[in-house]
Amino acid sequence: MSINQATRKNYKQSKKRNHNNQQRTRTSLSKSTQMRKQEKEKRRQERISNKKPIRRIFPIWLRIIVVLILSAAALIVGLMIGYGIIGDGVPTDALKFETWQHIIDIVKKEE
């Protein structure tokens, strides 16, 4: 057996050992990864099972109604400020039907 054949044989054997070691490492890593995933899933399930349901003190439908009421109030206040203070009129006249009818008549007659 020549030196080249001996070194080639050693090279092949070391390569085979390295390959086997890598496979063992992959297997052990995949097992530990699987265990971590299982533990993580278990903790998530525990969190879900221990979670108390949310009870809203101020329900969503009531929030919508309150927002609509506040929006209408802001509109009315804005009309009164605009008509009464900026427009030099009586603020309560902005809420009368006759005032709006007069404004509509003015807009339609200018055509």
PDB file of N, CA and C in Angstrom:
ATOM      1  N   MET A   1       0.839  -1.159   0.000  1.00  0.00           N
ATOM      2  CA  MET A   1       0.000   0.000   0.000  1.00  0.00           C
ATOM      3  C   MET A   1       0.899   1.242   0.000  1.00  0.00           C
ATOM      4  N   SER A   2       0.633   2.126  -0.904  1.00  0.00           N
ATOM      5  CA  SER A   2       1.457   3.337  -0.997  1.00  0.00           C
ATOM      6  C   SER A   2       0.942   4.408  -0.034  1.00  0.00           C
ATOM      7  N   ILE A   3       1.702   5.460   0.070  1.00  0.00           N
ATOM      8  CA  ILE A   3       1.353   6.553   0.986  1.00  0.00           C
ATOM      9  C   ILE A   3       0.060   7.235   0.534  1.00  0.00           C
ATOM     10  N   ASN A   4      -0.120   7.394  -0.764  1.00  0.00           N
ATOM     11  CA  ASN A   4      -1.328   8.042  -1.289  1.00  0.00           C
ATOM     12  C   ASN A   4      -2.581   7.243  -0.940  1.00  0.00           C
ATOM     13  N   GLN A   5      -2.498   5.944  -1.064  1.00  0.00           N
ATOM     14  CA  GLN A   5      -3.653   5.106  -0.739  1.00  0.00           C
ATOM     15  C   GLN A   5      -3.970   5.166   0.739  1.00  0.00           C
ATOM     16  N   ALA A   6      -2.941   5.171   1.596  1.00  0.00           N
ATOM     17  CA  ALA A   6      -3.154   5.228   3.046  1.00  0.00           C
ATOM     18  C   ALA A   6      -3.782   6.564   3.433  1.00  0.00           C
ATOM     19  N   THR A   7      -3.292   7.645   2.910  1.00  0.00           N
ATOM     20  CA  THR A   7      -3.860   8.950   3.248  1.00  0.00           C
ATOM     21  C   THR A   7      -5.276   9.082   2.701  1.00  0.00           C
ATOM     22  N   ARG A   8      -5.494   8.520   1.525  1.00  0.00           N
ATOM     23  CA  ARG A   8      -6.838   8.560   0.948  1.00  0.00           C
ATOM     24  C   ARG A   8      -7.809   7.781   1.820  1.00  0.00           C
ATOM     25  N   LYS A   9      -7.361   6.615   2.318  1.00  0.00           N
ATOM     26  CA  LYS A   9      -8.194   5.800   3.197  1.00  0.00           C
ATOM     27  C   LYS A   9      -8.492   6.552   4.488  1.00  0.00           C
ATOM     28  N   ASN A  10      -7.484   7.170   5.068  1.00  0.00           N
ATOM     29  CA  ASN A  10      -7.674   7.960   6.292  1.00  0.00           C
ATOM     30  C   ASN A  10      -8.663   9.110   6.044  1.00  0.00           C
ATOM     31  N   TYR A  11      -8.506   9.766   4.899  1.00  0.00           N
ATOM     32  CA  TYR A  11      -9.399  10.883   4.554  1.00  0.00           C
ATOM     33  C   TYR A  11     -10.852  10.415   4.473  1.00  0.00           C
ATOM     34  N   LYS A  12     -11.075   9.276   3.793  1.00  0.00           N
ATOM     35  CA  LYS A  12     -12.431   8.744   3.667  1.00  0.00           C
ATOM     36  C   LYS A  12     -13.011   8.379   5.024  1.00  0.00           C
ATOM     37  N   GLN A  13     -12.198   7.754   5.861  1.00  0.00           N
ATOM     38  CA  GLN A  13     -12.682   7.359   7.196  1.00  0.00           C
ATOM     39  C   GLN A  13     -13.007   8.586   8.055  1.00  0.00           C
ATOM     40  N   SER A  14     -12.160   9.590   8.014  1.00  0.00           N
ATOM     41  CA  SER A  14     -12.435  10.798   8.809  1.00  0.00           C
ATOM     42  C   SER A  14     -13.682  11.511   8.279  1.00  0.00           C
ATOM     43  N   LYS A  15     -13.855  11.505   6.972  1.00  0.00           N
ATOM     44  CA  LYS A  15     -15.045  12.125   6.389  1.00  0.00           C
ATOM     45  C   LYS A  15     -16.307  11.386   6.833  1.00  0.00           C
ATOM     46  N   LYS A  16     -16.238  10.057   6.877  1.00  0.00           N
ATOM     47  CA  LYS A  16     -17.367   9.241   7.311  1.00  0.00           C
ATOM     48  C   LYS A  16     -17.675   9.504   8.781  1.00  0.00           C
ATOM     49  N   ARG A  17     -16.643   9.611   9.627  1.00  0.00           N
ATOM     50  CA  ARG A  17     -16.850   9.913  11.048  1.00  0.00           C
ATOM     51  C   ARG A  17     -17.500  11.283  11.231  1.00  0.00           C
ATOM     52  N   ASN A  18     -17.013  12.260  10.491  1.00  0.00           N
ATOM     53  CA  ASN A  18     -17.589  13.610  10.578  1.00  0.00           C
ATOM     54  C   ASN A  18     -19.062  13.603  10.166  1.00  0.00           C
ATOM     55  N   HIS A  19     -19.347  12.850   9.116  1.00  0.00           N
ATOM     56  CA  HIS A  19     -20.728  12.763   8.645  1.00  0.00           C
ATOM     57  C   HIS A  19     -21.633  12.131   9.715  1.00  0.00           C
ATOM     58  N   ASN A  20     -21.150  11.068  10.359  1.00  0.00           N
ATOM     59  CA  ASN A  20     -21.917  10.401  11.413  1.00  0.00           C
ATOM     60  C   ASN A  20     -22.114  11.337  12.607  1.00  0.00           C
ATOM     61  N   ASN A  21     -21.077  12.087  12.969  1.00  0.00           N
ATOM     62  CA  ASN A  21     -21.184  13.036  14.077  1.00  0.00           C
ATOM     63  C   ASN A  21     -22.209  14.131  13.765  1.00  0.00           C
ATOM     64  N   GLN A  22     -22.196  14.596  12.532  1.00  0.00           N
ATOM     65  CA  GLN A  22     -23.154  15.629  12.131  1.00  0.00           C
ATOM     66  C   GLN A  22     -24.586  15.101  12.213  1.00  0.00           C
ATOM     67  N   GLN A  23     -24.784  13.853  11.791  1.00  0.00           N
ATOM     68  CA  GLN A  23     -26.126  13.264  11.865  1.00  0.00           C
ATOM     69  C   GLN A  23     -26.577  13.142  13.318  1.00  0.00           C
ATOM     70  N   ARG A  24     -25.691  12.745  14.202  1.00  0.00           N
ATOM     71  CA  ARG A  24     -26.046  12.638  15.619  1.00  0.00           C
ATOM     72  C   ARG A  24     -26.411  14.011  16.182  1.00  0.00           C
ATOM     73  N   THR A  25     -25.620  15.006  15.823  1.00  0.00           N
ATOM     74  CA  THR A  25     -25.880  16.364  16.293  1.00  0.00           C
ATOM     75  C   THR A  25     -27.231  16.853  15.776  1.00  0.00           C
ATOM     76  N   ARG A  26     -27.512  16.610  14.500  1.00  0.00           N
ATOM     77  CA  ARG A  26     -28.807  17.014  13.929  1.00  0.00           C
ATOM     78  C   ARG A  26     -29.957  16.334  14.650  1.00  0.00           C
ATOM     79  N   THR A  27     -29.809  15.061  14.927  1.00  0.00           N
ATOM     80  CA  THR A  27     -30.857  14.315  15.611  1.00  0.00           C
ATOM     81  C   THR A  27     -31.084  14.868  17.005  1.00  0.00           C
ATOM     82  N   SER A  28     -29.993  15.123  17.732  1.00  0.00           N
ATOM     83  CA  SER A  28     -30.153  15.651  19.083  1.00  0.00           C
ATOM     84  C   SER A  28     -30.712  17.067  19.044  1.00  0.00           C
ATOM     85  N   LEU A  29     -30.304  17.862  18.068  1.00  0.00           N
ATOM     86  CA  LEU A  29     -30.846  19.211  17.939  1.00  0.00           C
ATOM     87  C   LEU A  29     -32.332  19.178  17.610  1.00  0.00           C
ATOM     88  N   SER A  30     -32.700  18.298  16.703  1.00  0.00           N
ATOM     89  CA  SER A  30     -34.111  18.239  16.333  1.00  0.00           C
ATOM     90  C   SER A  30     -34.961  17.767  17.510  1.00  0.00           C
ATOM     91  N   LYS A  31     -34.418  16.870  18.346  1.00  0.00           N
ATOM     92  CA  LYS A  31     -35.166  16.423  19.523  1.00  0.00           C
ATOM     93  C   LYS A  31     -35.329  17.565  20.512  1.00  0.00           C
ATOM     94  N   SER A  32     -34.243  18.315  20.742  1.00  0.00           N
ATOM     95  CA  SER A  32     -34.347  19.437  21.675  1.00  0.00           C
ATOM     96  C   SER A  32     -35.259  20.520  21.103  1.00  0.00           C
ATOM     97  N   THR A  33     -35.227  20.709  19.812  1.00  0.00           N
ATOM     98  CA  THR A  33     -36.119  21.686  19.179  1.00  0.00           C
ATOM     99  C   THR A  33     -37.571  21.262  19.331  1.00  0.00           C
ATOM    100  N   GLN A  34     -37.825  20.007  19.130  1.00  0.00           N
ATOM    101  CA  GLN A  34     -39.178  19.485  19.297  1.00  0.00           C
ATOM    102  C   GLN A  34     -39.645  19.647  20.739  1.00  0.00           C
ATOM    103  N   MET A  35     -38.749  19.368  21.678  1.00  0.00           N
ATOM    104  CA  MET A  35     -39.119  19.509  23.089  1.00  0.00           C
ATOM    105  C   MET A  35     -39.425  20.962  23.420  1.00  0.00           C
ATOM    106  N   ARG A  36     -38.632  21.898  22.889  1.00  0.00           N
ATOM    107  CA  ARG A  36     -38.883  23.318  23.134  1.00  0.00           C
ATOM    108  C   ARG A  36     -40.220  23.747  22.543  1.00  0.00           C
ATOM    109  N   LYS A  37     -40.506  23.258  21.349  1.00  0.00           N
ATOM    110  CA  LYS A  37     -41.789  23.586  20.717  1.00  0.00           C
ATOM    111  C   LYS A  37     -42.956  23.043  21.533  1.00  0.00           C
ATOM    112  N   GLN A  38     -42.799  21.821  22.047  1.00  0.00           N
ATOM    113  CA  GLN A  38     -43.858  21.238  22.868  1.00  0.00           C
ATOM    114  C   GLN A  38     -44.049  22.030  24.159  1.00  0.00           C
ATOM    115  N   GLU A  39     -42.947  22.444  24.787  1.00  0.00           N
ATOM    116  CA  GLU A  39     -43.056  23.232  26.011  1.00  0.00           C
ATOM    117  C   GLU A  39     -43.703  24.585  25.738  1.00  0.00           C
ATOM    118  N   LYS A  40     -43.330  25.188  24.634  1.00  0.00           N
ATOM    119  CA  LYS A  40     -43.898  26.483  24.268  1.00  0.00           C
ATOM    120  C   LYS A  40     -45.399  26.351  24.021  1.00  0.00           C
ATOM    121  N   GLU A  41     -45.800  25.324  23.320  1.00  0.00           N
ATOM    122  CA  GLU A  41     -47.229  25.087  23.053  1.00  0.00           C
ATOM    123  C   GLU A  41     -47.980  24.815  24.353  1.00  0.00           C
ATOM    124  N   LYS A  42     -47.348  24.075  25.254  1.00  0.00           N
ATOM    125  CA  LYS A  42     -47.966  23.773  26.548  1.00  0.00           C
ATOM    126  C   LYS A  42     -48.186  25.058  27.346  1.00  0.00           C
ATOM    127  N   ARG A  43     -47.161  25.949  27.380  1.00  0.00           N
ATOM    128  CA  ARG A  43     -47.308  27.228  28.084  1.00  0.00           C
ATOM    129  C   ARG A  43     -48.399  28.091  27.454  1.00  0.00           C
ATOM    130  N   ARG A  44     -48.470  28.075  26.135  1.00  0.00           N
ATOM    131  CA  ARG A  44     -49.503  28.854  25.438  1.00  0.00           C
ATOM    132  C   ARG A  44     -50.898  28.347  25.787  1.00  0.00           C
ATOM    133  N   GLN A  45     -51.056  27.036  25.824  1.00  0.00           N
ATOM    134  CA  GLN A  45     -52.348  26.450  26.188  1.00  0.00           C
ATOM    135  C   GLN A  45     -52.709  26.793  27.628  1.00  0.00           C
ATOM    136  N   GLU A  46     -51.719  26.783  28.523  1.00  0.00           N
ATOM    137  CA  GLU A  46     -51.980  27.143  29.921  1.00  0.00           C
ATOM    138  C   GLU A  46     -52.416  28.599  30.029  1.00  0.00           C
ATOM    139  N   ARG A  47     -51.753  29.478  29.262  1.00  0.00           N
ATOM    140  CA  ARG A  47     -52.123  30.888  29.278  1.00  0.00           C
ATOM    141  C   ARG A  47     -53.551  31.083  28.781  1.00  0.00           C
ATOM    142  N   ILE A  48     -53.904  30.348  27.740  1.00  0.00           N
ATOM    143  CA  ILE A  48     -55.255  30.464  27.181  1.00  0.00           C
ATOM    144  C   ILE A  48     -56.283  29.941  28.172  1.00  0.00           C
ATOM    145  N   SER A  49     -55.980  28.822  28.821  1.00  0.00           N
ATOM    146  CA  SER A  49     -56.949  28.243  29.747  1.00  0.00           C
ATOM    147  C   SER A  49     -57.085  29.084  31.015  1.00  0.00           C
ATOM    148  N   ASN A  50     -56.018  29.771  31.441  1.00  0.00           N
ATOM    149  CA  ASN A  50     -56.064  30.591  32.643  1.00  0.00           C
ATOM    150  C   ASN A  50     -56.567  32.005  32.382  1.00  0.00           C
ATOM    151  N   LYS A  51     -56.764  32.354  31.133  1.00  0.00           N
ATOM    152  CA  LYS A  51     -57.171  33.707  30.779  1.00  0.00           C
ATOM    153  C   LYS A  51     -58.641  33.922  31.133  1.00  0.00           C
ATOM    154  N   LYS A  52     -58.895  35.025  31.831  1.00  0.00           N
ATOM    155  CA  LYS A  52     -60.277  35.349  32.198  1.00  0.00           C
ATOM    156  C   LYS A  52     -60.942  36.093  31.043  1.00  0.00           C
ATOM    157  N   PRO A  53     -62.216  35.847  30.805  1.00  0.00           N
ATOM    158  CA  PRO A  53     -62.881  36.573  29.720  1.00  0.00           C
ATOM    159  C   PRO A  53     -62.999  38.056  30.053  1.00  0.00           C
ATOM    160  N   ILE A  54     -62.900  38.888  29.021  1.00  0.00           N
ATOM    161  CA  ILE A  54     -62.979  40.332  29.218  1.00  0.00           C
ATOM    162  C   ILE A  54     -64.440  40.737  29.367  1.00  0.00           C
ATOM    163  N   ARG A  55     -64.729  41.430  30.442  1.00  0.00           N
ATOM    164  CA  ARG A  55     -66.078  41.958  30.656  1.00  0.00           C
ATOM    165  C   ARG A  55     -65.979  43.457  30.522  1.00  0.00           C
ATOM    166  N   ARG A  56     -66.592  43.972  29.485  1.00  0.00           N
ATOM    167  CA  ARG A  56     -66.516  45.401  29.227  1.00  0.00           C
ATOM    168  C   ARG A  56     -67.524  46.144  30.088  1.00  0.00           C
ATOM    169  N   ILE A  57     -67.047  47.179  30.754  1.00  0.00           N
ATOM    170  CA  ILE A  57     -67.927  47.998  31.570  1.00  0.00           C
ATOM    171  C   ILE A  57     -68.730  48.944  30.668  1.00  0.00           C
ATOM    172  N   PHE A  58     -68.086  49.384  29.613  1.00  0.00           N
ATOM    173  CA  PHE A  58     -68.679  50.326  28.670  1.00  0.00           C
ATOM    174  C   PHE A  58     -68.789  49.610  27.322  1.00  0.00           C
ATOM    175  N   PRO A  59     -69.917  48.907  27.052  1.00  0.00           N
ATOM    176  CA  PRO A  59     -70.012  48.074  25.846  1.00  0.00           C
ATOM    177  C   PRO A  59     -69.848  48.879  24.554  1.00  0.00           C
ATOM    178  N   ILE A  60     -69.478  48.175  23.510  1.00  0.00           N
ATOM    179  CA  ILE A  60     -69.197  48.815  22.228  1.00  0.00           C
ATOM    180  C   ILE A  60     -70.438  49.514  21.676  1.00  0.00           C
ATOM    181  N   TRP A  61     -71.600  48.891  21.775  1.00  0.00           N
ATOM    182  CA  TRP A  61     -72.813  49.515  21.231  1.00  0.00           C
ATOM    183  C   TRP A  61     -73.124  50.815  21.962  1.00  0.00           C
ATOM    184  N   LEU A  62     -72.823  50.868  23.268  1.00  0.00           N
ATOM    185  CA  LEU A  62     -73.047  52.095  24.034  1.00  0.00           C
ATOM    186  C   LEU A  62     -72.023  53.159  23.640  1.00  0.00           C
ATOM    187  N   ARG A  63     -70.816  52.740  23.341  1.00  0.00           N
ATOM    188  CA  ARG A  63     -69.798  53.688  22.880  1.00  0.00           C
ATOM    189  C   ARG A  63     -70.236  54.348  21.580  1.00  0.00           C
ATOM    190  N   ILE A  64     -70.797  53.567  20.670  1.00  0.00           N
ATOM    191  CA  ILE A  64     -71.250  54.111  19.386  1.00  0.00           C
ATOM    192  C   ILE A  64     -72.347  55.139  19.613  1.00  0.00           C
ATOM    193  N   ILE A  65     -73.287  54.826  20.477  1.00  0.00           N
ATOM    194  CA  ILE A  65     -74.384  55.756  20.764  1.00  0.00           C
ATOM    195  C   ILE A  65     -73.839  57.042  21.388  1.00  0.00           C
ATOM    196  N   VAL A  66     -72.907  56.914  22.328  1.00  0.00           N
ATOM    197  CA  VAL A  66     -72.334  58.095  22.970  1.00  0.00           C
ATOM    198  C   VAL A  66     -71.588  58.957  21.949  1.00  0.00           C
ATOM    199  N   VAL A  67     -70.844  58.341  21.053  1.00  0.00           N
ATOM    200  CA  VAL A  67     -70.114  59.095  20.024  1.00  0.00           C
ATOM    201  C   VAL A  67     -71.095  59.827  19.115  1.00  0.00           C
ATOM    202  N   LEU A  68     -72.184  59.163  18.733  1.00  0.00           N
ATOM    203  CA  LEU A  68     -73.181  59.821  17.881  1.00  0.00           C
ATOM    204  C   LEU A  68     -73.833  61.002  18.598  1.00  0.00           C
ATOM    205  N   ILE A  69     -74.145  60.832  19.871  1.00  0.00           N
ATOM    206  CA  ILE A  69     -74.761  61.920  20.647  1.00  0.00           C
ATOM    207  C   ILE A  69     -73.786  63.089  20.802  1.00  0.00           C
ATOM    208  N   LEU A  70     -72.533  62.786  21.095  1.00  0.00           N
ATOM    209  CA  LEU A  70     -71.538  63.847  21.230  1.00  0.00           C
ATOM    210  C   LEU A  70     -71.301  64.565  19.898  1.00  0.00           C
ATOM    211  N   SER A  71     -71.343  63.828  18.794  1.00  0.00           N
ATOM    212  CA  SER A  71     -71.181  64.442  17.473  1.00  0.00           C
ATOM    213  C   SER A  71     -72.341  65.382  17.169  1.00  0.00           C
ATOM    214  N   ALA A  72     -73.557  64.956  17.480  1.00  0.00           N
ATOM    215  CA  ALA A  72     -74.736  65.809  17.257  1.00  0.00           C
ATOM    216  C   ALA A  72     -74.658  67.056  18.135  1.00  0.00           C
ATOM    217  N   ALA A  73     -74.235  66.897  19.375  1.00  0.00           N
ATOM    218  CA  ALA A  73     -74.106  68.047  20.276  1.00  0.00           C
ATOM    219  C   ALA A  73     -73.057  69.018  19.754  1.00  0.00           C
ATOM    220  N   ALA A  74     -71.936  68.508  19.256  1.00  0.00           N
ATOM    221  CA  ALA A  74     -70.895  69.371  18.704  1.00  0.00           C
ATOM    222  C   ALA A  74     -71.401  70.110  17.467  1.00  0.00           C
ATOM    223  N   LEU A  75     -72.199  69.447  16.648  1.00  0.00           N
ATOM    224  CA  LEU A  75     -72.785  70.092  15.467  1.00  0.00           C
ATOM    225  C   LEU A  75     -73.711  71.230  15.874  1.00  0.00           C
ATOM    226  N   ILE A  76     -74.560  70.981  16.853  1.00  0.00           N
ATOM    227  CA  ILE A  76     -75.510  72.005  17.306  1.00  0.00           C
ATOM    228  C   ILE A  76     -74.775  73.197  17.917  1.00  0.00           C
ATOM    229  N   VAL A  77     -73.783  72.918  18.755  1.00  0.00           N
ATOM    230  CA  VAL A  77     -73.006  74.002  19.361  1.00  0.00           C
ATOM    231  C   VAL A  77     -72.274  74.802  18.282  1.00  0.00           C
ATOM    232  N   GLY A  78     -71.720  74.109  17.305  1.00  0.00           N
ATOM    233  CA  GLY A  78     -71.036  74.792  16.203  1.00  0.00           C
ATOM    234  C   GLY A  78     -71.977  75.664  15.397  1.00  0.00           C
ATOM    235  N   LEU A  79     -73.177  75.166  15.133  1.00  0.00           N
ATOM    236  CA  LEU A  79     -74.181  75.971  14.418  1.00  0.00           C
ATOM    237  C   LEU A  79     -74.525  77.234  15.202  1.00  0.00           C
ATOM    238  N   MET A  80     -74.720  77.070  16.492  1.00  0.00           N
ATOM    239  CA  MET A  80     -75.104  78.219  17.323  1.00  0.00           C
ATOM    240  C   MET A  80     -73.975  79.246  17.409  1.00  0.00           C
ATOM    241  N   ILE A  81     -72.738  78.783  17.531  1.00  0.00           N
ATOM    242  CA  ILE A  81     -71.611  79.716  17.578  1.00  0.00           C
ATOM    243  C   ILE A  81     -71.452  80.423  16.234  1.00  0.00           C
ATOM    244  N   GLY A  82     -71.550  79.662  15.163  1.00  0.00           N
ATOM    245  CA  GLY A  82     -71.393  80.253  13.837  1.00  0.00           C
ATOM    246  C   GLY A  82     -72.488  81.241  13.496  1.00  0.00           C
ATOM    247  N   TYR A  83     -73.708  80.912  13.807  1.00  0.00           N
ATOM    248  CA  TYR A  83     -74.836  81.780  13.461  1.00  0.00           C
ATOM    249  C   TYR A  83     -74.957  82.945  14.429  1.00  0.00           C
ATOM    250  N   GLY A  84     -74.757  82.673  15.702  1.00  0.00           N
ATOM    251  CA  GLY A  84     -74.983  83.708  16.709  1.00  0.00           C
ATOM    252  C   GLY A  84     -73.806  84.631  16.924  1.00  0.00           C
ATOM    253  N   ILE A  85     -72.619  84.092  17.088  1.00  0.00           N
ATOM    254  CA  ILE A  85     -71.471  84.923  17.433  1.00  0.00           C
ATOM    255  C   ILE A  85     -70.771  85.442  16.177  1.00  0.00           C
ATOM    256  N   ILE A  86     -70.450  84.551  15.251  1.00  0.00           N
ATOM    257  CA  ILE A  86     -69.740  84.970  14.040  1.00  0.00           C
ATOM    258  C   ILE A  86     -70.694  85.698  13.092  1.00  0.00           C
ATOM    259  N   GLY A  87     -71.933  85.224  12.986  1.00  0.00           N
ATOM    260  CA  GLY A  87     -72.890  85.807  12.046  1.00  0.00           C
ATOM    261  C   GLY A  87     -73.731  86.930  12.616  1.00  0.00           C
ATOM    262  N   ASP A  88     -73.512  87.339  13.842  1.00  0.00           N
ATOM    263  CA  ASP A  88     -74.241  88.438  14.485  1.00  0.00           C
ATOM    264  C   ASP A  88     -75.751  88.213  14.512  1.00  0.00           C
ATOM    265  N   GLY A  89     -76.170  87.001  14.769  1.00  0.00           N
ATOM    266  CA  GLY A  89     -77.590  86.705  14.912  1.00  0.00           C
ATOM    267  C   GLY A  89     -77.867  86.200  16.321  1.00  0.00           C
ATOM    268  N   VAL A  90     -79.086  85.764  16.531  1.00  0.00           N
ATOM    269  CA  VAL A  90     -79.442  85.179  17.825  1.00  0.00           C
ATOM    270  C   VAL A  90     -79.081  83.684  17.743  1.00  0.00           C
ATOM    271  N   PRO A  91     -78.267  83.192  18.691  1.00  0.00           N
ATOM    272  CA  PRO A  91     -77.785  81.807  18.600  1.00  0.00           C
ATOM    273  C   PRO A  91     -78.905  80.758  18.524  1.00  0.00           C
ATOM    274  N   THR A  92     -80.031  80.973  19.214  1.00  0.00           N
ATOM    275  CA  THR A  92     -81.096  79.959  19.183  1.00  0.00           C
ATOM    276  C   THR A  92     -81.835  79.939  17.855  1.00  0.00           C
ATOM    277  N   ASP A  93     -81.693  80.997  17.049  1.00  0.00           N
ATOM    278  CA  ASP A  93     -82.338  81.017  15.732  1.00  0.00           C
ATOM    279  C   ASP A  93     -81.725  79.980  14.785  1.00  0.00           C
ATOM    280  N   ALA A  94     -80.490  79.552  15.055  1.00  0.00           N
ATOM    281  CA  ALA A  94     -79.837  78.553  14.210  1.00  0.00           C
ATOM    282  C   ALA A  94     -80.538  77.210  14.296  1.00  0.00           C
ATOM    283  N   LEU A  95     -81.356  77.007  15.344  1.00  0.00           N
ATOM    284  CA  LEU A  95     -82.044  75.727  15.520  1.00  0.00           C
ATOM    285  C   LEU A  95     -83.477  75.755  14.985  1.00  0.00           C
ATOM    286  N   LYS A  96     -83.941  76.881  14.510  1.00  0.00           N
ATOM    287  CA  LYS A  96     -85.316  76.991  14.022  1.00  0.00           C
ATOM    288  C   LYS A  96     -85.413  76.542  12.573  1.00  0.00           C
ATOM    289  N   PHE A  97     -86.544  75.936  12.247  1.00  0.00           N
ATOM    290  CA  PHE A  97     -86.787  75.438  10.892  1.00  0.00           C
ATOM    291  C   PHE A  97     -86.904  76.590   9.900  1.00  0.00           C
ATOM    292  N   GLU A  98     -87.515  77.702  10.325  1.00  0.00           N
ATOM    293  CA  GLU A  98     -87.718  78.839   9.432  1.00  0.00           C
ATOM    294  C   GLU A  98     -86.384  79.409   8.946  1.00  0.00           C
ATOM    295  N   THR A  99     -85.378  79.407   9.798  1.00  0.00           N
ATOM    296  CA  THR A  99     -84.060  79.921   9.412  1.00  0.00           C
ATOM    297  C   THR A  99     -83.477  79.060   8.295  1.00  0.00           C
ATOM    298  N   TRP A 100     -83.555  77.772   8.435  1.00  0.00           N
ATOM    299  CA  TRP A 100     -83.008  76.859   7.426  1.00  0.00           C
ATOM    300  C   TRP A 100     -83.825  76.900   6.141  1.00  0.00           C
ATOM    301  N   GLN A 101     -85.129  77.077   6.261  1.00  0.00           N
ATOM    302  CA  GLN A 101     -85.971  77.209   5.070  1.00  0.00           C
ATOM    303  C   GLN A 101     -85.581  78.469   4.303  1.00  0.00           C
ATOM    304  N   HIS A 102     -85.315  79.546   5.027  1.00  0.00           N
ATOM    305  CA  HIS A 102     -84.904  80.800   4.401  1.00  0.00           C
ATOM    306  C   HIS A 102     -83.553  80.628   3.692  1.00  0.00           C
ATOM    307  N   ILE A 103     -82.617  79.924   4.324  1.00  0.00           N
ATOM    308  CA  ILE A 103     -81.296  79.685   3.714  1.00  0.00           C
ATOM    309  C   ILE A 103     -81.446  78.849   2.446  1.00  0.00           C
ATOM    310  N   ILE A 104     -82.287  77.826   2.489  1.00  0.00           N
ATOM    311  CA  ILE A 104     -82.513  76.974   1.313  1.00  0.00           C
ATOM    312  C   ILE A 104     -83.141  77.780   0.187  1.00  0.00           C
ATOM    313  N   ASP A 105     -84.103  78.648   0.512  1.00  0.00           N
ATOM    314  CA  ASP A 105     -84.743  79.494  -0.509  1.00  0.00           C
ATOM    315  C   ASP A 105     -83.730  80.425  -1.162  1.00  0.00           C
ATOM    316  N   ILE A 106     -82.827  80.991  -0.377  1.00  0.00           N
ATOM    317  CA  ILE A 106     -81.800  81.881  -0.923  1.00  0.00           C
ATOM    318  C   ILE A 106     -80.891  81.113  -1.888  1.00  0.00           C
ATOM    319  N   VAL A 107     -80.488  79.908  -1.502  1.00  0.00           N
ATOM    320  CA  VAL A 107     -79.595  79.122  -2.343  1.00  0.00           C
ATOM    321  C   VAL A 107     -80.287  78.715  -3.642  1.00  0.00           C
ATOM    322  N   LYS A 108     -81.550  78.320  -3.597  1.00  0.00           N
ATOM    323  CA  LYS A 108     -82.268  77.864  -4.795  1.00  0.00           C
ATOM    324  C   LYS A 108     -82.629  79.015  -5.717  1.00  0.00           C
ATOM    325  N   LYS A 109     -82.845  80.211  -5.200  1.00  0.00           N
ATOM    326  CA  LYS A 109     -83.236  81.345  -6.046  1.00  0.00           C
ATOM    327  C   LYS A 109     -82.052  81.925  -6.804  1.00  0.00           C
ATOM    328  N   GLU A 110     -80.839  81.658  -6.379  1.00  0.00           N
ATOM    329  CA  GLU A 110     -79.673  82.232  -7.042  1.00  0.00           C
ATOM    330  C   GLU A 110     -79.318  81.478  -8.307  1.00  0.00           C
ATOM    331  N   GLU A 111     -79.952  80.442  -8.647  1.00  0.00           N
ATOM    332  CA  GLU A 111     -79.626  79.654  -9.829  1.00  0.00           C
ATOM    333  C   GLU A 111     -79.917  80.361 -11.054  1.00  0.00           C
TER     334      GLU A 111
END
